Amino acid sequence: MKKRARQNHTPAFKAKVALAALKNDRTIAQLAEQFDVHPNQITSWKEQLLAGAADVFERGGSTKSSAPRSISRPCTPRSASWSWRTIF
């Protein structure tokens, strides 16, 4: 069995797949076969879309965020070591 190379999907592709999953006209397995991605990845993208959907209708918000959000704590001597927690 040959190992597949890691794929980098565009945000537009992820949105397309997540929206197709929200329609519920096909199963996750069928969508995974159609878009050639793992079913768990579709579920993850769908959850991310649902979690961020309210931000679209936020009052006073713009279409693009002007300041990037920090995904980890500031680097201090105690938190300087790399861990999975800082990425996710």
C-alpha atoms as a PDB file:
ATOM      1  CA  MET A   1       0.000   0.000   0.000  1.00  0.00           C
ATOM      2  CA  LYS A   2       1.451   3.307  -1.079  1.00  0.00           C
ATOM      3  CA  LYS A   3       1.385   6.263   1.294  1.00  0.00           C
ATOM      4  CA  ARG A   4      -0.301   9.395  -0.092  1.00  0.00           C
ATOM      5  CA  ALA A   5       1.434  12.742  -0.060  1.00  0.00           C
ATOM      6  CA  ARG A   6       0.001  15.340   2.277  1.00  0.00           C
ATOM      7  CA  GLN A   7      -2.480  17.627   0.527  1.00  0.00           C
ATOM      8  CA  ASN A   8      -2.948  21.332   1.204  1.00  0.00           C
ATOM      9  CA  HIS A   9      -6.502  22.405   0.456  1.00  0.00           C
ATOM     10  CA  THR A  10      -7.522  25.982  -0.184  1.00  0.00           C
ATOM     11  CA  PRO A  11     -10.037  27.677   2.108  1.00  0.00           C
ATOM     12  CA  ALA A  12     -12.444  27.889  -0.843  1.00  0.00           C
ATOM     13  CA  PHE A  13     -12.272  24.113  -1.331  1.00  0.00           C
ATOM     14  CA  LYS A  14     -12.819  23.509   2.395  1.00  0.00           C
ATOM     15  CA  ALA A  15     -15.857  25.799   2.363  1.00  0.00           C
ATOM     16  CA  LYS A  16     -17.266  24.036  -0.688  1.00  0.00           C
ATOM     17  CA  VAL A  17     -16.923  20.624   0.962  1.00  0.00           C
ATOM     18  CA  ALA A  18     -18.330  21.845   4.299  1.00  0.00           C
ATOM     19  CA  LEU A  19     -21.342  23.440   2.603  1.00  0.00           C
ATOM     20  CA  ALA A  20     -21.992  20.232   0.678  1.00  0.00           C
ATOM     21  CA  ALA A  21     -21.910  18.360   3.999  1.00  0.00           C
ATOM     22  CA  LEU A  22     -24.424  20.797   5.509  1.00  0.00           C
ATOM     23  CA  LYS A  23     -26.899  20.199   2.682  1.00  0.00           C
ATOM     24  CA  ASN A  24     -27.385  16.579   3.879  1.00  0.00           C
ATOM     25  CA  ASP A  25     -28.339  15.347   0.415  1.00  0.00           C
ATOM     26  CA  ARG A  26     -25.431  12.867   0.415  1.00  0.00           C
ATOM     27  CA  THR A  27     -23.659  10.938   3.146  1.00  0.00           C
ATOM     28  CA  ILE A  28     -20.237  11.914   4.464  1.00  0.00           C
ATOM     29  CA  ALA A  29     -18.813   8.765   2.872  1.00  0.00           C
ATOM     30  CA  GLN A  30     -20.197   9.748  -0.534  1.00  0.00           C
ATOM     31  CA  LEU A  31     -18.784  13.269  -0.180  1.00  0.00           C
ATOM     32  CA  ALA A  32     -15.406  11.873   0.877  1.00  0.00           C
ATOM     33  CA  GLU A  33     -15.287   9.777  -2.273  1.00  0.00           C
ATOM     34  CA  GLN A  34     -16.439  12.662  -4.472  1.00  0.00           C
ATOM     35  CA  PHE A  35     -13.929  15.191  -3.107  1.00  0.00           C
ATOM     36  CA  ASP A  36     -11.155  12.651  -2.418  1.00  0.00           C
ATOM     37  CA  VAL A  37     -10.715  13.565   1.256  1.00  0.00           C
ATOM     38  CA  HIS A  38     -11.056  11.573   4.490  1.00  0.00           C
ATOM     39  CA  PRO A  39     -14.537  11.545   6.078  1.00  0.00           C
ATOM     40  CA  ASN A  40     -13.100  12.805   9.391  1.00  0.00           C
ATOM     41  CA  GLN A  41     -11.698  15.822   7.564  1.00  0.00           C
ATOM     42  CA  ILE A  42     -15.133  16.665   6.170  1.00  0.00           C
ATOM     43  CA  THR A  43     -16.639  16.455   9.638  1.00  0.00           C
ATOM     44  CA  SER A  44     -13.928  18.733  11.005  1.00  0.00           C
ATOM     45  CA  TRP A  45     -14.429  21.345   8.262  1.00  0.00           C
ATOM     46  CA  LYS A  46     -18.201  21.205   8.796  1.00  0.00           C
ATOM     47  CA  GLU A  47     -17.783  21.857  12.541  1.00  0.00           C
ATOM     48  CA  GLN A  48     -15.380  24.736  11.837  1.00  0.00           C
ATOM     49  CA  LEU A  49     -17.884  26.280   9.430  1.00  0.00           C
ATOM     50  CA  LEU A  50     -20.686  26.042  11.959  1.00  0.00           C
ATOM     51  CA  ALA A  51     -18.509  27.492  14.732  1.00  0.00           C
ATOM     52  CA  GLY A  52     -17.501  30.493  12.626  1.00  0.00           C
ATOM     53  CA  ALA A  53     -20.829  31.119  10.906  1.00  0.00           C
ATOM     54  CA  ALA A  54     -22.051  33.567  13.564  1.00  0.00           C
ATOM     55  CA  ASP A  55     -19.025  35.802  12.916  1.00  0.00           C
ATOM     56  CA  VAL A  56     -20.354  36.571   9.436  1.00  0.00           C
ATOM     57  CA  PHE A  57     -23.359  38.361  10.924  1.00  0.00           C
ATOM     58  CA  GLU A  58     -21.513  40.105  13.727  1.00  0.00           C
ATOM     59  CA  ARG A  59     -22.507  43.756  14.079  1.00  0.00           C
ATOM     60  CA  GLY A  60     -19.864  46.253  13.001  1.00  0.00           C
ATOM     61  CA  GLY A  61     -17.622  43.540  11.609  1.00  0.00           C
ATOM     62  CA  SER A  62     -15.833  43.722   8.314  1.00  0.00           C
ATOM     63  CA  THR A  63     -15.415  41.006   5.732  1.00  0.00           C
ATOM     64  CA  LYS A  64     -11.714  40.626   6.533  1.00  0.00           C
ATOM     65  CA  SER A  65     -10.134  40.883   9.933  1.00  0.00           C
ATOM     66  CA  SER A  66      -7.672  43.771  10.109  1.00  0.00           C
ATOM     67  CA  ALA A  67      -5.561  42.290  12.909  1.00  0.00           C
ATOM     68  CA  PRO A  68      -4.494  38.648  12.939  1.00  0.00           C
ATOM     69  CA  ARG A  69      -5.659  36.695  15.941  1.00  0.00           C
ATOM     70  CA  SER A  70      -3.107  34.967  18.108  1.00  0.00           C
ATOM     71  CA  ILE A  71      -3.574  31.219  18.369  1.00  0.00           C
ATOM     72  CA  SER A  72      -1.158  30.662  21.228  1.00  0.00           C
ATOM     73  CA  ARG A  73       0.078  32.266  24.390  1.00  0.00           C
ATOM     74  CA  PRO A  74       2.896  34.816  24.310  1.00  0.00           C
ATOM     75  CA  CYS A  75       6.309  33.215  24.345  1.00  0.00           C
ATOM     76  CA  THR A  76       7.666  33.154  27.872  1.00  0.00           C
ATOM     77  CA  PRO A  77      10.418  30.973  29.304  1.00  0.00           C
ATOM     78  CA  ARG A  78       7.793  28.651  30.753  1.00  0.00           C
ATOM     79  CA  SER A  79       5.786  28.361  27.517  1.00  0.00           C
ATOM     80  CA  ALA A  80       8.730  28.464  25.111  1.00  0.00           C
ATOM     81  CA  SER A  81       8.826  24.710  24.588  1.00  0.00           C
ATOM     82  CA  TRP A  82       6.903  23.450  21.579  1.00  0.00           C
ATOM     83  CA  SER A  83       3.810  21.344  22.154  1.00  0.00           C
ATOM     84  CA  TRP A  84       0.675  20.314  20.290  1.00  0.00           C
ATOM     85  CA  ARG A  85      -1.347  22.503  22.623  1.00  0.00           C
ATOM     86  CA  THR A  86       0.190  25.653  21.127  1.00  0.00           C
ATOM     87  CA  ILE A  87      -0.817  24.631  17.605  1.00  0.00           C
ATOM     88  CA  PHE A  88      -4.402  23.581  18.303  1.00  0.00           C
END
